[in-house]
Amino acid sequence: MVISFERAGMPSSSDVENINRLLIQLAKKGTAHKKTDGTKLVRTVTASYFYVARDKSKRDQNGLGKIIGMACLSVCPPPSGWYGIIDDVVVDENGYLRQGIAAQLMQKLIKQAKKLGLKRIDLHSHPSRSSANKMYLKLGFEMVVEGDAEKDTSNQYRLRL
């Protein structure tokens, strides 16, 4: 298996299939994006940086390799200073978990955020995603709010840059 990490451009039809498969997998695990008071999050995004991990040994019709992981950094410009939000960090559960792929995707996003001069990165993760939650802490994120799986509220994390 040969895995590459890249900033994604315009997706091919097989990329769209792979991404949709990962989003379905993520939705099954719980992807609550609610504040603790139950209101929906509202944000203004000026740019998004979408990274994918590809298995180069599994060629598909685009010849680039099957997408087996993804993560997105959105940039937000509030008056208090630019910050990023990380969303949709997911790795294919069929043979790719626990290989450091999600951590490498996260490191790409953190590097991009530093390059952009962001002050912090925020992210939300459902409490049921225990492996992901442990990884965020290992990468230096601090838990700002602990979510509640029964109430469908997310853990909220922050990394100061």
N, C-alpha and C. Protein backbone atom coordinates (compact mmCIF):
# COMPACT_ATOMS: atom_id res chain seq x y z
N MET A 1 0.85 -1.17 0.00
CA MET A 1 0.00 0.00 0.00
C MET A 1 0.90 1.23 0.00
N VAL A 2 0.63 2.15 -0.90
CA VAL A 2 1.35 3.42 -1.00
C VAL A 2 0.32 4.52 -0.81
N ILE A 3 0.51 5.34 0.22
CA ILE A 3 -0.47 6.38 0.51
C ILE A 3 0.16 7.74 0.25
N SER A 4 -0.58 8.60 -0.44
CA SER A 4 -0.13 9.97 -0.68
C SER A 4 -1.15 10.92 -0.05
N PHE A 5 -0.66 12.10 0.32
CA PHE A 5 -1.52 13.13 0.89
C PHE A 5 -1.40 14.35 0.01
N GLU A 6 -2.53 14.94 -0.33
CA GLU A 6 -2.50 16.06 -1.26
C GLU A 6 -3.68 16.98 -1.02
N ARG A 7 -3.50 18.23 -1.40
CA ARG A 7 -4.62 19.15 -1.40
C ARG A 7 -5.44 18.81 -2.63
N ALA A 8 -6.72 18.59 -2.43
CA ALA A 8 -7.59 18.13 -3.51
C ALA A 8 -8.03 19.28 -4.40
N GLY A 9 -8.10 18.99 -5.68
CA GLY A 9 -8.62 19.93 -6.65
C GLY A 9 -10.01 19.50 -7.06
N MET A 10 -10.34 19.71 -8.32
CA MET A 10 -11.65 19.32 -8.84
C MET A 10 -11.75 17.79 -8.82
N PRO A 11 -12.76 17.23 -8.14
CA PRO A 11 -12.86 15.78 -8.03
C PRO A 11 -13.38 15.12 -9.31
N SER A 12 -12.86 13.94 -9.59
CA SER A 12 -13.37 13.13 -10.70
C SER A 12 -14.63 12.41 -10.21
N SER A 13 -15.30 11.70 -11.09
CA SER A 13 -16.51 10.97 -10.68
C SER A 13 -16.17 9.87 -9.67
N SER A 14 -15.02 9.22 -9.83
CA SER A 14 -14.65 8.20 -8.84
C SER A 14 -14.27 8.85 -7.52
N ASP A 15 -13.68 10.05 -7.55
CA ASP A 15 -13.40 10.78 -6.31
C ASP A 15 -14.70 11.08 -5.57
N VAL A 16 -15.71 11.52 -6.31
CA VAL A 16 -17.00 11.84 -5.70
C VAL A 16 -17.59 10.60 -5.04
N GLU A 17 -17.50 9.46 -5.71
CA GLU A 17 -18.00 8.20 -5.12
C GLU A 17 -17.24 7.89 -3.83
N ASN A 18 -15.90 8.01 -3.86
CA ASN A 18 -15.09 7.73 -2.67
C ASN A 18 -15.42 8.69 -1.53
N ILE A 19 -15.56 9.97 -1.84
CA ILE A 19 -15.86 10.98 -0.82
C ILE A 19 -17.25 10.73 -0.23
N ASN A 20 -18.23 10.44 -1.07
CA ASN A 20 -19.57 10.15 -0.58
C ASN A 20 -19.58 8.93 0.34
N ARG A 21 -18.79 7.91 0.00
CA ARG A 21 -18.69 6.71 0.83
C ARG A 21 -18.13 7.07 2.20
N LEU A 22 -17.11 7.93 2.24
CA LEU A 22 -16.52 8.35 3.51
C LEU A 22 -17.49 9.20 4.33
N LEU A 23 -18.26 10.08 3.65
CA LEU A 23 -19.23 10.90 4.37
C LEU A 23 -20.34 10.04 4.98
N ILE A 24 -20.76 8.99 4.27
CA ILE A 24 -21.77 8.07 4.81
C ILE A 24 -21.20 7.38 6.05
N GLN A 25 -19.95 6.95 5.96
CA GLN A 25 -19.28 6.30 7.10
C GLN A 25 -19.22 7.26 8.28
N LEU A 26 -18.88 8.52 8.03
CA LEU A 26 -18.77 9.52 9.09
C LEU A 26 -20.14 9.76 9.73
N ALA A 27 -21.19 9.84 8.92
CA ALA A 27 -22.53 10.09 9.44
C ALA A 27 -22.99 8.96 10.37
N LYS A 28 -22.59 7.73 10.09
CA LYS A 28 -22.95 6.60 10.94
C LYS A 28 -22.33 6.72 12.32
N LYS A 29 -21.16 7.38 12.41
CA LYS A 29 -20.43 7.49 13.67
C LYS A 29 -20.91 8.66 14.52
N GLY A 30 -21.77 9.51 13.97
CA GLY A 30 -22.24 10.68 14.71
C GLY A 30 -21.41 11.89 14.33
N THR A 31 -22.05 12.88 13.79
CA THR A 31 -21.33 14.09 13.37
C THR A 31 -22.05 15.33 13.87
N ALA A 32 -22.42 15.32 15.13
CA ALA A 32 -23.16 16.46 15.67
C ALA A 32 -22.35 17.73 15.52
N HIS A 33 -22.93 18.73 14.93
CA HIS A 33 -22.31 20.05 14.81
C HIS A 33 -23.24 21.05 15.48
N LYS A 34 -23.48 20.84 16.75
CA LYS A 34 -24.37 21.72 17.50
C LYS A 34 -23.60 22.29 18.67
N LYS A 35 -23.95 23.50 19.03
CA LYS A 35 -23.41 24.06 20.26
C LYS A 35 -24.08 23.32 21.42
N THR A 36 -23.55 23.47 22.59
CA THR A 36 -24.10 22.76 23.74
C THR A 36 -25.52 23.20 24.07
N ASP A 37 -25.95 24.38 23.64
CA ASP A 37 -27.32 24.81 23.90
C ASP A 37 -28.29 24.29 22.82
N GLY A 38 -27.79 23.51 21.87
CA GLY A 38 -28.63 22.90 20.85
C GLY A 38 -28.80 23.72 19.59
N THR A 39 -28.29 24.94 19.53
CA THR A 39 -28.44 25.75 18.33
C THR A 39 -27.44 25.29 17.27
N LYS A 40 -27.79 25.48 16.03
CA LYS A 40 -26.88 25.14 14.94
C LYS A 40 -25.73 26.13 14.91
N LEU A 41 -24.56 25.64 14.52
CA LEU A 41 -23.41 26.53 14.37
C LEU A 41 -23.60 27.38 13.12
N VAL A 42 -23.27 28.64 13.22
CA VAL A 42 -23.32 29.54 12.08
C VAL A 42 -21.94 30.15 11.93
N ARG A 43 -21.41 30.13 10.73
CA ARG A 43 -20.08 30.70 10.52
C ARG A 43 -19.97 31.22 9.09
N THR A 44 -19.09 32.17 8.95
CA THR A 44 -18.78 32.72 7.64
C THR A 44 -17.44 32.15 7.23
N VAL A 45 -17.41 31.51 6.09
CA VAL A 45 -16.18 30.87 5.61
C VAL A 45 -15.68 31.64 4.39
N THR A 46 -14.40 31.99 4.42
CA THR A 46 -13.84 32.71 3.28
C THR A 46 -13.05 31.80 2.36
N ALA A 47 -12.56 30.67 2.89
CA ALA A 47 -11.78 29.74 2.07
C ALA A 47 -11.82 28.36 2.73
N SER A 48 -11.70 27.33 1.92
CA SER A 48 -11.61 25.97 2.44
C SER A 48 -10.43 25.26 1.81
N TYR A 49 -9.76 24.47 2.60
CA TYR A 49 -8.62 23.67 2.15
C TYR A 49 -8.97 22.22 2.41
N PHE A 50 -9.18 21.48 1.33
CA PHE A 50 -9.64 20.10 1.39
C PHE A 50 -8.48 19.19 1.05
N TYR A 51 -8.10 18.32 1.98
CA TYR A 51 -7.00 17.38 1.75
C TYR A 51 -7.54 15.96 1.71
N VAL A 52 -6.92 15.15 0.88
CA VAL A 52 -7.29 13.73 0.78
C VAL A 52 -6.05 12.87 0.93
N ALA A 53 -6.29 11.64 1.37
CA ALA A 53 -5.26 10.60 1.38
C ALA A 53 -5.70 9.59 0.33
N ARG A 54 -4.77 9.22 -0.53
CA ARG A 54 -5.07 8.26 -1.60
C ARG A 54 -4.22 7.01 -1.44
N ASP A 55 -4.82 5.87 -1.71
CA ASP A 55 -4.06 4.63 -1.78
C ASP A 55 -3.65 4.46 -3.24
N LYS A 56 -2.39 4.75 -3.53
CA LYS A 56 -1.88 4.70 -4.90
C LYS A 56 -1.85 3.29 -5.47
N SER A 57 -1.87 2.28 -4.59
CA SER A 57 -1.86 0.90 -5.07
C SER A 57 -3.24 0.44 -5.53
N LYS A 58 -4.27 1.24 -5.26
CA LYS A 58 -5.64 0.91 -5.69
C LYS A 58 -6.07 1.94 -6.72
N ARG A 59 -5.67 1.73 -7.94
CA ARG A 59 -6.00 2.67 -9.02
C ARG A 59 -7.48 2.61 -9.35
N ASP A 60 -8.05 3.76 -9.61
CA ASP A 60 -9.43 3.82 -10.07
C ASP A 60 -9.43 4.48 -11.44
N GLN A 61 -10.60 4.83 -11.97
CA GLN A 61 -10.65 5.33 -13.35
C GLN A 61 -9.90 6.64 -13.56
N ASN A 62 -9.68 7.42 -12.49
CA ASN A 62 -8.93 8.66 -12.68
C ASN A 62 -7.42 8.43 -12.63
N GLY A 63 -6.99 7.22 -12.23
CA GLY A 63 -5.58 6.88 -12.21
C GLY A 63 -4.79 7.48 -11.06
N LEU A 64 -5.44 8.21 -10.18
CA LEU A 64 -4.74 8.86 -9.08
C LEU A 64 -4.69 8.02 -7.80
N GLY A 65 -5.51 7.02 -7.72
CA GLY A 65 -5.59 6.20 -6.52
C GLY A 65 -6.88 6.47 -5.77
N LYS A 66 -7.34 5.46 -5.09
CA LYS A 66 -8.60 5.53 -4.34
C LYS A 66 -8.44 6.48 -3.15
N ILE A 67 -9.40 7.38 -2.96
CA ILE A 67 -9.41 8.24 -1.79
C ILE A 67 -9.83 7.39 -0.59
N ILE A 68 -8.95 7.38 0.44
CA ILE A 68 -9.22 6.55 1.61
C ILE A 68 -9.29 7.39 2.90
N GLY A 69 -9.14 8.70 2.76
CA GLY A 69 -9.26 9.59 3.91
C GLY A 69 -9.41 11.01 3.44
N MET A 70 -9.98 11.86 4.30
CA MET A 70 -10.15 13.26 3.94
C MET A 70 -10.29 14.10 5.19
N ALA A 71 -10.02 15.39 5.03
CA ALA A 71 -10.20 16.37 6.09
C ALA A 71 -10.28 17.76 5.45
N CYS A 72 -10.97 18.67 6.11
CA CYS A 72 -11.17 20.00 5.55
C CYS A 72 -10.90 21.07 6.60
N LEU A 73 -10.20 22.12 6.19
CA LEU A 73 -9.96 23.30 7.01
C LEU A 73 -10.69 24.46 6.37
N SER A 74 -11.60 25.07 7.11
CA SER A 74 -12.31 26.27 6.65
C SER A 74 -11.76 27.46 7.41
N VAL A 75 -11.60 28.58 6.71
CA VAL A 75 -11.03 29.79 7.30
C VAL A 75 -12.15 30.79 7.54
N CYS A 76 -12.21 31.33 8.77
CA CYS A 76 -13.27 32.25 9.18
C CYS A 76 -12.67 33.57 9.64
N PRO A 77 -13.29 34.70 9.26
CA PRO A 77 -12.73 36.03 9.60
C PRO A 77 -13.55 36.84 10.61
N PRO A 78 -13.65 36.42 11.88
CA PRO A 78 -14.39 37.28 12.81
C PRO A 78 -13.55 38.51 13.18
N PRO A 79 -14.16 39.50 13.79
CA PRO A 79 -13.42 40.71 14.15
C PRO A 79 -12.24 40.45 15.11
N SER A 80 -12.33 39.38 15.91
CA SER A 80 -11.28 39.11 16.90
C SER A 80 -10.04 38.45 16.31
N GLY A 81 -10.06 38.11 15.04
CA GLY A 81 -8.88 37.50 14.41
C GLY A 81 -9.24 36.24 13.65
N TRP A 82 -8.53 36.01 12.57
CA TRP A 82 -8.79 34.87 11.70
C TRP A 82 -8.55 33.55 12.44
N TYR A 83 -9.42 32.58 12.19
CA TYR A 83 -9.23 31.25 12.77
C TYR A 83 -9.74 30.20 11.79
N GLY A 84 -9.41 28.96 12.07
CA GLY A 84 -9.83 27.87 11.21
C GLY A 84 -10.76 26.91 11.93
N ILE A 85 -11.54 26.21 11.15
CA ILE A 85 -12.41 25.15 11.67
C ILE A 85 -12.11 23.90 10.85
N ILE A 86 -11.84 22.82 11.54
CA ILE A 86 -11.60 21.54 10.87
C ILE A 86 -12.88 20.72 10.91
N ASP A 87 -13.25 20.18 9.76
CA ASP A 87 -14.45 19.35 9.62
C ASP A 87 -14.13 18.09 8.84
N ASP A 88 -15.01 17.13 9.00
CA ASP A 88 -15.04 15.92 8.16
C ASP A 88 -13.71 15.19 8.08
N VAL A 89 -13.11 14.94 9.23
CA VAL A 89 -11.90 14.11 9.29
C VAL A 89 -12.38 12.66 9.35
N VAL A 90 -12.06 11.91 8.31
CA VAL A 90 -12.51 10.52 8.26
C VAL A 90 -11.54 9.69 7.43
N VAL A 91 -11.36 8.44 7.86
CA VAL A 91 -10.52 7.48 7.16
C VAL A 91 -11.35 6.23 6.92
N ASP A 92 -11.20 5.65 5.75
CA ASP A 92 -11.93 4.44 5.36
C ASP A 92 -11.73 3.35 6.40
N GLU A 93 -12.84 2.86 6.94
CA GLU A 93 -12.77 1.83 7.98
C GLU A 93 -12.43 0.45 7.42
N ASN A 94 -12.38 0.32 6.12
CA ASN A 94 -12.08 -0.97 5.49
C ASN A 94 -10.59 -1.11 5.21
N GLY A 95 -9.82 -1.38 6.27
CA GLY A 95 -8.40 -1.68 6.10
C GLY A 95 -7.44 -0.53 6.27
N TYR A 96 -7.91 0.67 6.66
CA TYR A 96 -7.01 1.82 6.73
C TYR A 96 -6.95 2.47 8.11
N LEU A 97 -7.75 2.02 9.06
CA LEU A 97 -7.75 2.62 10.38
C LEU A 97 -6.49 2.28 11.15
N ARG A 98 -6.16 3.12 12.10
CA ARG A 98 -5.03 2.93 13.02
C ARG A 98 -3.67 2.81 12.32
N GLN A 99 -3.53 3.57 11.23
CA GLN A 99 -2.25 3.59 10.50
C GLN A 99 -1.67 5.02 10.48
N GLY A 100 -2.27 5.92 11.23
CA GLY A 100 -1.76 7.29 11.30
C GLY A 100 -2.22 8.18 10.16
N ILE A 101 -3.15 7.73 9.36
CA ILE A 101 -3.60 8.50 8.20
C ILE A 101 -4.33 9.76 8.64
N ALA A 102 -5.24 9.64 9.60
CA ALA A 102 -5.98 10.82 10.07
C ALA A 102 -5.03 11.83 10.70
N ALA A 103 -4.06 11.35 11.47
CA ALA A 103 -3.09 12.25 12.10
C ALA A 103 -2.27 12.99 11.05
N GLN A 104 -1.89 12.30 9.99
CA GLN A 104 -1.13 12.96 8.92
C GLN A 104 -1.98 13.99 8.19
N LEU A 105 -3.26 13.69 7.97
CA LEU A 105 -4.16 14.67 7.37
C LEU A 105 -4.29 15.89 8.28
N MET A 106 -4.44 15.65 9.58
CA MET A 106 -4.55 16.75 10.53
C MET A 106 -3.28 17.61 10.53
N GLN A 107 -2.13 16.97 10.46
CA GLN A 107 -0.87 17.71 10.44
C GLN A 107 -0.77 18.60 9.20
N LYS A 108 -1.29 18.11 8.07
CA LYS A 108 -1.33 18.93 6.85
C LYS A 108 -2.20 20.18 7.07
N LEU A 109 -3.36 19.98 7.73
CA LEU A 109 -4.25 21.11 7.98
C LEU A 109 -3.64 22.10 8.97
N ILE A 110 -2.98 21.60 10.00
CA ILE A 110 -2.33 22.47 10.98
C ILE A 110 -1.22 23.28 10.30
N LYS A 111 -0.45 22.63 9.46
CA LYS A 111 0.62 23.32 8.73
C LYS A 111 0.03 24.42 7.84
N GLN A 112 -1.08 24.11 7.15
CA GLN A 112 -1.75 25.09 6.29
C GLN A 112 -2.24 26.27 7.13
N ALA A 113 -2.83 25.99 8.30
CA ALA A 113 -3.33 27.05 9.17
C ALA A 113 -2.21 27.98 9.63
N LYS A 114 -1.06 27.40 9.98
CA LYS A 114 0.09 28.21 10.39
C LYS A 114 0.59 29.06 9.23
N LYS A 115 0.63 28.47 8.05
CA LYS A 115 1.06 29.19 6.85
C LYS A 115 0.15 30.39 6.58
N LEU A 116 -1.14 30.24 6.87
CA LEU A 116 -2.12 31.31 6.66
C LEU A 116 -2.10 32.34 7.78
N GLY A 117 -1.37 32.06 8.85
CA GLY A 117 -1.29 32.99 9.97
C GLY A 117 -2.51 32.98 10.87
N LEU A 118 -3.24 31.86 10.92
CA LEU A 118 -4.42 31.78 11.77
C LEU A 118 -4.02 31.78 13.24
N LYS A 119 -4.89 32.29 14.09
CA LYS A 119 -4.62 32.36 15.53
C LYS A 119 -4.97 31.06 16.25
N ARG A 120 -5.95 30.33 15.71
CA ARG A 120 -6.38 29.10 16.36
C ARG A 120 -7.12 28.23 15.35
N ILE A 121 -7.31 26.98 15.74
CA ILE A 121 -8.14 26.05 14.98
C ILE A 121 -9.15 25.46 15.96
N ASP A 122 -10.40 25.44 15.57
CA ASP A 122 -11.46 24.81 16.35
C ASP A 122 -11.95 23.58 15.61
N LEU A 123 -12.46 22.63 16.36
CA LEU A 123 -13.12 21.48 15.73
C LEU A 123 -14.12 20.88 16.70
N HIS A 124 -15.07 20.18 16.14
CA HIS A 124 -16.11 19.50 16.91
C HIS A 124 -16.06 18.03 16.54
N SER A 125 -16.26 17.18 17.53
CA SER A 125 -16.24 15.73 17.28
C SER A 125 -17.24 15.06 18.22
N HIS A 126 -18.02 14.18 17.66
CA HIS A 126 -19.02 13.48 18.45
C HIS A 126 -18.32 12.64 19.52
N PRO A 127 -18.84 12.61 20.74
CA PRO A 127 -18.21 11.84 21.81
C PRO A 127 -18.02 10.36 21.50
N SER A 128 -18.83 9.80 20.61
CA SER A 128 -18.72 8.38 20.27
C SER A 128 -17.49 8.07 19.42
N ARG A 129 -16.85 9.08 18.88
CA ARG A 129 -15.66 8.88 18.04
C ARG A 129 -14.41 8.90 18.93
N SER A 130 -14.30 7.90 19.79
CA SER A 130 -13.26 7.91 20.83
C SER A 130 -11.84 7.95 20.26
N SER A 131 -11.56 7.21 19.20
CA SER A 131 -10.21 7.23 18.62
C SER A 131 -9.87 8.62 18.09
N ALA A 132 -10.82 9.25 17.42
CA ALA A 132 -10.59 10.59 16.89
C ALA A 132 -10.38 11.58 18.03
N ASN A 133 -11.19 11.48 19.08
CA ASN A 133 -11.07 12.40 20.21
C ASN A 133 -9.71 12.26 20.89
N LYS A 134 -9.21 11.04 21.04
CA LYS A 134 -7.88 10.82 21.62
C LYS A 134 -6.80 11.43 20.72
N MET A 135 -6.96 11.27 19.41
CA MET A 135 -5.97 11.81 18.46
C MET A 135 -5.90 13.33 18.57
N TYR A 136 -7.05 14.01 18.66
CA TYR A 136 -7.05 15.46 18.74
C TYR A 136 -6.27 15.93 19.97
N LEU A 137 -6.46 15.26 21.09
CA LEU A 137 -5.72 15.62 22.31
C LEU A 137 -4.23 15.38 22.12
N LYS A 138 -3.89 14.27 21.48
CA LYS A 138 -2.48 13.94 21.22
C LYS A 138 -1.81 14.98 20.32
N LEU A 139 -2.58 15.56 19.41
CA LEU A 139 -2.05 16.57 18.49
C LEU A 139 -1.95 17.96 19.13
N GLY A 140 -2.36 18.07 20.39
CA GLY A 140 -2.23 19.34 21.10
C GLY A 140 -3.51 20.15 21.26
N PHE A 141 -4.62 19.63 20.75
CA PHE A 141 -5.89 20.32 20.93
C PHE A 141 -6.31 20.19 22.39
N GLU A 142 -6.97 21.21 22.92
CA GLU A 142 -7.53 21.11 24.26
C GLU A 142 -9.05 21.04 24.13
N MET A 143 -9.67 20.24 25.01
CA MET A 143 -11.13 20.16 24.99
C MET A 143 -11.67 21.41 25.68
N VAL A 144 -12.51 22.15 24.96
CA VAL A 144 -13.10 23.37 25.48
C VAL A 144 -14.45 23.06 26.12
N VAL A 145 -15.22 22.19 25.48
CA VAL A 145 -16.53 21.77 25.99
C VAL A 145 -16.66 20.27 25.75
N GLU A 146 -17.07 19.56 26.77
CA GLU A 146 -17.31 18.12 26.61
C GLU A 146 -18.75 17.92 26.16
N GLY A 147 -18.91 17.18 25.07
CA GLY A 147 -20.24 16.93 24.53
C GLY A 147 -20.94 15.80 25.26
N ASP A 148 -22.15 15.52 24.82
CA ASP A 148 -22.97 14.48 25.41
C ASP A 148 -23.60 13.68 24.27
N ALA A 149 -23.19 12.43 24.12
CA ALA A 149 -23.69 11.60 23.02
C ALA A 149 -25.21 11.44 23.08
N GLU A 150 -25.76 11.30 24.29
CA GLU A 150 -27.21 11.12 24.42
C GLU A 150 -27.99 12.36 24.00
N LYS A 151 -27.40 13.53 24.22
CA LYS A 151 -28.05 14.78 23.82
C LYS A 151 -27.61 15.20 22.43
N ASP A 152 -26.75 14.40 21.79
CA ASP A 152 -26.26 14.66 20.44
C ASP A 152 -25.52 16.00 20.34
N THR A 153 -24.70 16.29 21.36
CA THR A 153 -23.85 17.48 21.31
C THR A 153 -22.40 17.05 21.18
N SER A 154 -21.63 17.86 20.52
CA SER A 154 -20.24 17.53 20.21
C SER A 154 -19.26 17.95 21.29
N ASN A 155 -18.13 17.23 21.35
CA ASN A 155 -16.97 17.74 22.06
C ASN A 155 -16.45 18.90 21.24
N GLN A 156 -15.99 19.96 21.89
CA GLN A 156 -15.43 21.09 21.19
C GLN A 156 -13.96 21.21 21.58
N TYR A 157 -13.09 21.31 20.57
CA TYR A 157 -11.65 21.36 20.77
C TYR A 157 -11.08 22.64 20.19
N ARG A 158 -9.93 23.05 20.73
CA ARG A 158 -9.24 24.24 20.22
C ARG A 158 -7.73 24.00 20.27
N LEU A 159 -7.07 24.43 19.21
CA LEU A 159 -5.61 24.43 19.15
C LEU A 159 -5.17 25.87 18.91
N ARG A 160 -4.44 26.43 19.85
CA ARG A 160 -3.92 27.79 19.69
C ARG A 160 -2.60 27.71 18.91
N LEU A 161 -2.49 28.56 17.91
CA LEU A 161 -1.29 28.54 17.05
C LEU A 161 -0.36 29.70 17.38
